[in-house]
Amino acid sequence: MSALAILIGLFAAIFFHEAAHFATAKAFGMKVTEFFAGFGPRLWSFRRGETEYGVKLFVPLGGYVKITGMSPIEEIDPAEEHRTYRGSPFWQKSIVVLAGVGANFALAFLVFYLVFAAIGVPQTESRVGEVIPLQDGVVTPASQTDLAAGDLIVAVDGVPTEYWGDLLDALRDKAGVELELDVVRDGTSFTTTLTPISREGRGFVGIGRPDAVTRRFGPIEAVSETAGIYWDSIEASVSAVGTLLWPPNLLDLFGDAVEGNDPGTSRPVTVVGLVGESSNIFEVAGWAGILSLIAGLNIIVALFNVLPLFPLDGGHFAVAVYEKLRGRPVDVEKLVPLAVGVIMFFISIFLLGLWFDLFGPGLDFS
């Protein structure tokens, strides 16, 4: 089910992206002749009015809406020039080409909101899951205190520790340092002291991680929580896309593929890799993890499409801006080889990601 959900989520990202182009073009009276998910041979289609709708074989590669006058080499009947993309005002062209990006950003926010408000987020409190008496034959610091399973550690040396990650951060660099822990047990507060020992370069006290609890937020509170993770996801995605497309990094990735090296987390990932790891994602974070991944996919789709490279949406917008500023159309013959080059570039990245998905090391979503 988790693998199917990722496939449906990817299809939804493509569908709503193209649907936004379609709807805005139709609203401005432009002629739309095709609306397809995927590229390559037709798998299924039907015609309604002047538009053919359908699905093509290579859905993971994206989709498209064919708007009359958008292709630089398309021949147009002069009688339909008023319904073409190129014959429309700058502001209408801008809305049409950027509508898909906007739809993906909006869908990502809505999916994140659904996670916080309806599905719930698995959170691990800073609670003692178990007290470990011995570790590698050494008596643990926690076993020498009165800590017990179920105790909630609310602060370490006065620093609040609401979640398990906060507790790990508070202990990480404190090996050999005596710490005071504020603890709550069955509604009663008390303090205890211990001194972490060093294990694998980190402070270790000998308490086991508790089970995660699912937390749902109210309709208003969920908005602020969503805004936080939404912005964090955009920042992380911008950094990831920038790192991936940086030429020296790309050369290193191709070198890793040839030599069979582990490229780490900076490598491209295709839907094959995501589907293959879907069960692991579900095991770690449940449906919240699957839906968060789908939200992240929408952000990635939006970011790639907003790049000012023709024939991506950002490239069409850049051309429209150029024509507006210069007051004349671009040389269409120069756009064709540019478009081919961009398409081949992204196909090569897709194939690189596919290679790592099939033959490289597994992904890590823990």
Protein backbone atom coordinates (compact mmCIF):
# COMPACT_ATOMS: atom_id res chain seq x y z
CA MET A 1 0.00 0.00 0.00
CA SER A 2 2.82 2.44 0.80
CA ALA A 3 4.41 1.87 -2.64
CA LEU A 4 1.04 2.44 -4.33
CA ALA A 5 0.56 5.61 -2.29
CA ILE A 6 3.89 7.00 -3.52
CA LEU A 7 2.96 6.22 -7.14
CA ILE A 8 -0.44 7.87 -6.69
CA GLY A 9 1.24 10.83 -5.00
CA LEU A 10 3.67 11.27 -7.90
CA PHE A 11 0.82 11.03 -10.39
CA ALA A 12 -1.13 13.62 -8.38
CA ALA A 13 1.86 15.97 -8.40
CA ILE A 14 2.07 15.71 -12.18
CA PHE A 15 -1.69 15.90 -12.68
CA PHE A 16 -2.25 19.02 -10.57
CA HIS A 17 0.79 20.69 -12.11
CA GLU A 18 -0.51 20.19 -15.62
CA ALA A 19 -4.12 20.83 -14.58
CA ALA A 20 -3.08 24.29 -13.37
CA HIS A 21 -1.54 25.06 -16.78
CA PHE A 22 -4.66 23.70 -18.46
CA ALA A 23 -7.15 25.61 -16.30
CA THR A 24 -5.41 28.97 -16.57
CA ALA A 25 -4.88 28.62 -20.33
CA LYS A 26 -8.55 27.75 -20.80
CA ALA A 27 -9.58 30.65 -18.56
CA PHE A 28 -7.69 33.08 -20.81
CA GLY A 29 -9.20 31.58 -23.97
CA MET A 30 -6.05 29.88 -25.22
CA LYS A 31 -6.47 26.74 -27.34
CA VAL A 32 -5.35 23.54 -25.57
CA THR A 33 -5.09 20.52 -27.86
CA GLU A 34 -3.51 17.90 -25.53
CA PHE A 35 -3.44 17.13 -21.80
CA PHE A 36 -1.26 14.10 -21.02
CA ALA A 37 0.45 12.53 -18.04
CA GLY A 38 3.73 10.97 -19.16
CA PHE A 39 5.64 10.90 -22.42
CA GLY A 40 6.16 8.38 -25.19
CA PRO A 41 3.54 6.02 -26.67
CA ARG A 42 -0.09 6.56 -25.75
CA LEU A 43 -1.50 4.09 -23.27
CA TRP A 44 -4.99 5.55 -23.09
CA SER A 45 -6.72 8.70 -24.27
CA PHE A 46 -10.03 10.27 -25.17
CA ARG A 47 -11.09 13.49 -26.85
CA ARG A 48 -13.52 16.03 -25.52
CA GLY A 49 -14.05 19.13 -27.59
CA GLU A 50 -10.77 20.38 -29.02
CA THR A 51 -8.61 18.67 -26.35
CA GLU A 52 -7.26 15.11 -26.19
CA TYR A 53 -6.75 13.77 -22.63
CA GLY A 54 -4.73 10.70 -21.73
CA VAL A 55 -1.78 8.83 -20.23
CA LYS A 56 1.48 7.93 -21.96
CA LEU A 57 3.96 5.22 -21.12
CA PHE A 58 6.62 7.13 -19.20
CA VAL A 59 4.56 8.76 -16.44
CA PRO A 60 7.54 9.16 -14.04
CA LEU A 61 9.16 11.54 -16.53
CA GLY A 62 6.35 14.08 -16.06
CA GLY A 63 3.52 15.24 -18.26
CA TYR A 64 2.47 18.10 -20.46
CA VAL A 65 -0.30 20.35 -21.70
CA LYS A 66 -0.05 21.35 -25.35
CA ILE A 67 -1.13 24.97 -25.69
CA THR A 68 -1.27 26.33 -29.22
CA GLY A 69 1.58 28.74 -29.89
CA MET A 70 3.80 27.57 -27.03
CA SER A 71 6.21 25.53 -29.16
CA PRO A 72 8.72 27.71 -31.02
CA ILE A 73 8.49 25.58 -34.18
CA GLU A 74 4.70 25.18 -34.28
CA GLU A 75 2.89 26.42 -37.39
CA ILE A 76 -0.27 28.35 -36.51
CA ASP A 77 -3.37 29.02 -38.56
CA PRO A 78 -3.53 32.84 -38.77
CA ALA A 79 -7.24 32.63 -37.93
CA GLU A 80 -6.35 31.18 -34.50
CA GLU A 81 -3.49 33.53 -33.67
CA HIS A 82 -5.67 35.36 -31.13
CA ARG A 83 -6.07 32.09 -29.17
CA THR A 84 -2.38 31.24 -29.02
CA TYR A 85 -0.01 31.43 -26.07
CA ARG A 86 2.45 33.60 -27.98
CA GLY A 87 -0.30 36.01 -28.97
CA SER A 88 -1.46 36.54 -25.37
CA PRO A 89 -0.45 39.42 -23.08
CA PHE A 90 2.66 39.03 -20.93
CA TRP A 91 0.70 38.81 -17.68
CA GLN A 92 -1.46 35.97 -19.02
CA LYS A 93 1.54 34.02 -20.30
CA SER A 94 3.27 34.47 -16.95
CA ILE A 95 0.30 33.13 -15.01
CA VAL A 96 -0.09 30.15 -17.34
CA VAL A 97 3.56 29.03 -17.22
CA LEU A 98 3.93 29.54 -13.46
CA ALA A 99 0.55 28.08 -12.50
CA GLY A 100 1.94 24.54 -12.38
CA VAL A 101 4.72 25.53 -9.98
CA GLY A 102 2.19 27.34 -7.81
CA ALA A 103 -0.08 24.28 -7.79
CA ASN A 104 2.75 22.03 -6.59
CA PHE A 105 3.74 24.42 -3.81
CA ALA A 106 0.10 24.71 -2.73
CA LEU A 107 -0.43 20.94 -2.83
CA ALA A 108 2.71 20.39 -0.73
CA PHE A 109 1.37 22.76 1.94
CA LEU A 110 -2.04 21.05 1.96
CA VAL A 111 -0.47 17.57 2.30
CA PHE A 112 1.73 18.71 5.18
CA TYR A 113 -1.34 20.25 6.81
CA LEU A 114 -3.22 16.97 6.42
CA VAL A 115 -0.38 15.20 8.20
CA PHE A 116 -0.45 17.54 11.20
CA ALA A 117 -4.22 18.00 11.47
CA ALA A 118 -5.61 14.58 10.52
CA ILE A 119 -2.99 11.82 10.31
CA GLY A 120 -0.84 12.90 13.23
CA VAL A 121 2.93 13.09 13.60
CA PRO A 122 4.86 10.31 15.34
CA GLN A 123 6.84 11.96 18.11
CA THR A 124 9.18 10.41 20.63
CA GLU A 125 9.05 12.09 24.02
CA SER A 126 12.14 12.49 26.20
CA ARG A 127 10.87 9.58 28.26
CA VAL A 128 12.83 6.64 29.60
CA GLY A 129 11.93 3.56 27.58
CA GLU A 130 14.12 1.32 29.69
CA VAL A 131 17.10 1.57 32.00
CA ILE A 132 20.03 -0.41 30.56
CA PRO A 133 22.08 -1.91 33.43
CA LEU A 134 25.21 -2.83 31.46
CA GLN A 135 26.72 -1.69 28.19
CA ASP A 136 29.77 -3.55 26.86
CA GLY A 137 30.36 -4.87 30.39
CA VAL A 138 30.29 -1.38 31.92
CA VAL A 139 27.70 -0.31 34.50
CA THR A 140 25.68 2.54 32.97
CA PRO A 141 25.19 5.90 34.70
CA ALA A 142 21.38 5.62 34.53
CA SER A 143 21.39 2.30 36.40
CA GLN A 144 23.07 4.04 39.34
CA THR A 145 20.19 6.50 39.72
CA ASP A 146 16.52 6.01 40.63
CA LEU A 147 15.40 6.51 37.03
CA ALA A 148 12.80 3.98 35.83
CA ALA A 149 10.96 3.12 32.63
CA GLY A 150 8.21 5.65 31.94
CA ASP A 151 9.94 8.61 33.61
CA LEU A 152 9.70 11.84 31.62
CA ILE A 153 12.93 13.87 31.55
CA VAL A 154 11.75 17.46 31.16
CA ALA A 155 15.13 19.24 31.47
CA VAL A 156 18.87 18.61 31.62
CA ASP A 157 20.77 21.25 33.63
CA GLY A 158 17.82 23.57 33.18
CA VAL A 159 17.60 23.12 29.40
CA PRO A 160 14.10 21.87 28.39
CA THR A 161 14.00 18.46 26.68
CA GLU A 162 10.55 17.95 25.21
CA TYR A 163 11.48 15.27 22.68
CA TRP A 164 13.98 12.43 22.44
CA GLY A 165 16.14 14.40 20.02
CA ASP A 166 16.36 17.24 22.55
CA LEU A 167 17.56 14.77 25.17
CA LEU A 168 20.21 13.32 22.85
CA ASP A 169 21.42 16.83 22.01
CA ALA A 170 21.67 17.70 25.71
CA LEU A 171 23.81 14.62 26.39
CA ARG A 172 25.84 14.52 23.17
CA ASP A 173 28.91 16.50 24.30
CA LYS A 174 28.61 15.99 28.06
CA ALA A 175 30.71 12.88 28.65
CA GLY A 176 32.39 13.22 32.05
CA VAL A 177 30.20 16.17 33.07
CA GLU A 178 27.83 15.81 36.03
CA LEU A 179 24.30 16.71 34.97
CA GLU A 180 21.10 17.43 36.88
CA LEU A 181 17.96 15.90 35.35
CA ASP A 182 14.47 17.23 36.08
CA VAL A 183 12.13 14.23 35.96
CA VAL A 184 8.36 13.73 36.15
CA ARG A 185 6.92 10.38 37.27
CA ASP A 186 3.15 9.89 37.56
CA GLY A 187 2.67 13.63 37.96
CA THR A 188 5.33 14.01 40.64
CA SER A 189 8.54 15.97 39.94
CA PHE A 190 11.99 15.13 41.25
CA THR A 191 15.64 15.61 40.30
CA THR A 192 18.53 13.21 39.93
CA THR A 193 22.14 13.56 38.90
CA LEU A 194 24.37 11.44 36.68
CA THR A 195 27.57 11.72 34.68
CA PRO A 196 27.46 10.47 31.07
CA ILE A 197 30.23 8.19 29.89
CA SER A 198 31.78 8.37 26.42
CA ARG A 199 30.51 5.88 23.83
CA GLU A 200 31.36 6.24 20.15
CA GLY A 201 32.44 9.82 20.87
CA ARG A 202 29.12 10.81 22.46
CA GLY A 203 27.70 11.16 25.92
CA PHE A 204 25.93 7.93 26.93
CA VAL A 205 23.83 7.33 30.05
CA GLY A 206 22.14 3.99 29.39
CA ILE A 207 18.46 4.69 28.77
CA GLY A 208 16.51 3.09 25.94
CA ARG A 209 14.36 4.99 23.46
CA PRO A 210 10.61 4.83 24.18
CA ASP A 211 7.92 4.06 21.63
CA ALA A 212 6.74 6.99 19.55
CA VAL A 213 3.33 8.52 20.19
CA THR A 214 1.10 10.04 17.51
CA ARG A 215 0.28 13.68 18.04
CA ARG A 216 -2.47 15.50 16.15
CA PHE A 217 -2.74 19.26 16.13
CA GLY A 218 -5.83 21.46 16.15
CA PRO A 219 -6.92 23.23 12.93
CA ILE A 220 -5.24 26.52 13.89
CA GLU A 221 -2.15 25.06 15.55
CA ALA A 222 -1.63 22.81 12.53
CA VAL A 223 -1.22 25.87 10.30
CA SER A 224 1.81 27.15 12.21
CA GLU A 225 3.32 23.66 12.44
CA THR A 226 2.77 23.18 8.71
CA ALA A 227 4.33 26.54 7.89
CA GLY A 228 7.46 25.58 9.82
CA ILE A 229 8.07 22.22 8.17
CA TYR A 230 6.96 23.63 4.80
CA TRP A 231 9.63 26.33 4.86
CA ASP A 232 12.24 23.92 6.20
CA SER A 233 11.42 21.51 3.37
CA ILE A 234 11.74 24.23 0.75
CA GLU A 235 15.12 25.31 2.14
CA ALA A 236 16.36 21.72 2.25
CA SER A 237 15.08 21.05 -1.28
CA VAL A 238 16.70 24.20 -2.69
CA SER A 239 19.99 23.12 -1.12
CA ALA A 240 19.62 19.56 -2.45
CA VAL A 241 18.77 20.70 -6.00
CA GLY A 242 21.63 23.20 -5.99
CA THR A 243 24.08 20.56 -4.77
CA LEU A 244 22.88 18.04 -7.34
CA LEU A 245 23.14 20.44 -10.28
CA TRP A 246 26.53 21.86 -9.33
CA PRO A 247 28.78 20.65 -12.18
CA PRO A 248 31.68 19.32 -10.02
CA ASN A 249 29.20 17.33 -7.94
CA LEU A 250 27.57 15.90 -11.05
CA LEU A 251 30.95 14.81 -12.37
CA ASP A 252 31.66 13.13 -9.03
CA LEU A 253 28.31 11.32 -9.19
CA PHE A 254 29.01 9.99 -12.67
CA GLY A 255 32.44 8.92 -11.45
CA ASP A 256 30.85 7.11 -8.48
CA ALA A 257 28.48 5.32 -10.85
CA VAL A 258 31.34 4.16 -13.06
CA GLU A 259 33.55 3.07 -10.17
CA GLY A 260 30.76 1.59 -8.06
CA ASN A 261 31.30 3.98 -5.14
CA ASP A 262 28.70 5.06 -2.58
CA PRO A 263 27.67 8.63 -3.54
CA GLY A 264 26.03 9.31 -0.17
CA THR A 265 22.81 11.26 0.23
CA SER A 266 23.50 13.80 -2.52
CA ARG A 267 22.59 11.43 -5.33
CA PRO A 268 19.45 11.75 -7.49
CA VAL A 269 16.60 9.41 -6.57
CA THR A 270 13.91 8.22 -8.98
CA VAL A 271 10.49 6.81 -8.25
CA VAL A 272 12.04 3.33 -8.51
CA GLY A 273 14.18 4.04 -5.47
CA LEU A 274 11.34 5.62 -3.52
CA VAL A 275 8.98 2.75 -4.20
CA GLY A 276 11.69 0.27 -3.27
CA GLU A 277 12.15 1.99 0.09
CA SER A 278 8.47 2.69 0.74
CA SER A 279 8.10 -0.10 3.29
CA ASN A 280 11.09 1.23 5.25
CA ILE A 281 9.66 4.74 5.19
CA PHE A 282 6.32 3.42 6.42
CA GLU A 283 7.98 1.41 9.17
CA VAL A 284 9.88 4.45 10.44
CA ALA A 285 7.15 7.11 10.21
CA GLY A 286 3.89 5.47 9.07
CA TRP A 287 1.49 7.34 6.82
CA ALA A 288 2.86 10.62 8.10
CA GLY A 289 6.20 9.68 6.53
CA ILE A 290 4.65 8.61 3.22
CA LEU A 291 2.54 11.76 2.93
CA SER A 292 5.45 13.98 3.94
CA LEU A 293 7.49 12.36 1.17
CA ILE A 294 4.69 13.09 -1.30
CA ALA A 295 4.63 16.73 -0.13
CA GLY A 296 8.39 16.85 -0.63
CA LEU A 297 8.02 15.44 -4.15
CA ASN A 298 5.70 18.33 -5.01
CA ILE A 299 8.30 20.82 -3.78
CA ILE A 300 11.02 19.13 -5.84
CA VAL A 301 8.80 19.11 -8.96
CA ALA A 302 8.10 22.82 -8.44
CA LEU A 303 11.76 23.71 -7.94
CA PHE A 304 12.96 21.86 -11.02
CA ASN A 305 10.23 23.44 -13.16
CA VAL A 306 10.97 26.96 -11.96
CA LEU A 307 14.58 26.76 -13.20
CA PRO A 308 15.05 29.34 -16.01
CA LEU A 309 15.90 26.67 -18.57
CA PHE A 310 13.82 26.28 -21.72
CA PRO A 311 11.55 24.27 -22.14
CA LEU A 312 10.86 24.11 -18.38
CA ASP A 313 8.21 26.44 -16.98
CA GLY A 314 10.87 28.80 -15.67
CA GLY A 315 12.43 28.86 -19.13
CA HIS A 316 9.14 29.84 -20.74
CA PHE A 317 8.76 32.59 -18.15
CA ALA A 318 12.32 33.81 -18.84
CA VAL A 319 11.52 33.96 -22.56
CA ALA A 320 8.32 35.90 -21.85
CA VAL A 321 10.27 38.38 -19.70
CA TYR A 322 12.91 38.75 -22.42
CA GLU A 323 10.27 39.44 -25.06
CA LYS A 324 8.54 41.94 -22.78
CA LEU A 325 11.75 43.84 -22.07
CA ARG A 326 13.10 43.74 -25.64
CA GLY A 327 9.74 44.29 -27.30
CA ARG A 328 10.28 41.54 -29.86
CA PRO A 329 10.05 37.74 -29.99
CA VAL A 330 13.08 35.55 -29.48
CA ASP A 331 14.79 33.73 -32.34
CA VAL A 332 12.92 30.39 -32.32
CA GLU A 333 15.69 28.58 -34.17
CA LYS A 334 18.03 29.22 -31.23
CA LEU A 335 15.54 27.78 -28.74
CA VAL A 336 15.27 24.35 -30.34
CA PRO A 337 18.84 23.13 -29.68
CA LEU A 338 18.67 24.68 -26.20
CA ALA A 339 15.49 22.75 -25.45
CA VAL A 340 17.01 19.51 -26.73
CA GLY A 341 20.10 20.05 -24.61
CA VAL A 342 18.07 20.70 -21.46
CA ILE A 343 15.92 17.62 -22.06
CA MET A 344 18.96 15.40 -22.62
CA PHE A 345 20.61 16.82 -19.51
CA PHE A 346 17.68 15.92 -17.28
CA ILE A 347 17.27 12.52 -18.92
CA SER A 348 20.92 11.82 -18.07
CA ILE A 349 20.28 12.79 -14.43
CA PHE A 350 17.22 10.53 -14.37
CA LEU A 351 19.23 7.63 -15.78
CA LEU A 352 21.99 8.30 -13.26
CA GLY A 353 19.47 8.16 -10.43
CA LEU A 354 17.95 5.01 -11.88
CA TRP A 355 21.39 3.38 -11.97
CA PHE A 356 21.96 4.11 -8.29
CA ASP A 357 18.42 2.95 -7.44
CA LEU A 358 18.95 -0.39 -9.17
CA PHE A 359 22.61 -1.10 -8.46
CA GLY A 360 23.78 1.32 -5.78
CA PRO A 361 23.45 1.32 -1.98
CA GLY A 362 20.01 1.57 -0.39
CA LEU A 363 18.45 4.80 0.79
CA ASP A 364 18.36 5.84 4.43
CA PHE A 365 15.13 7.35 5.71
CA SER A 366 15.71 6.56 9.37
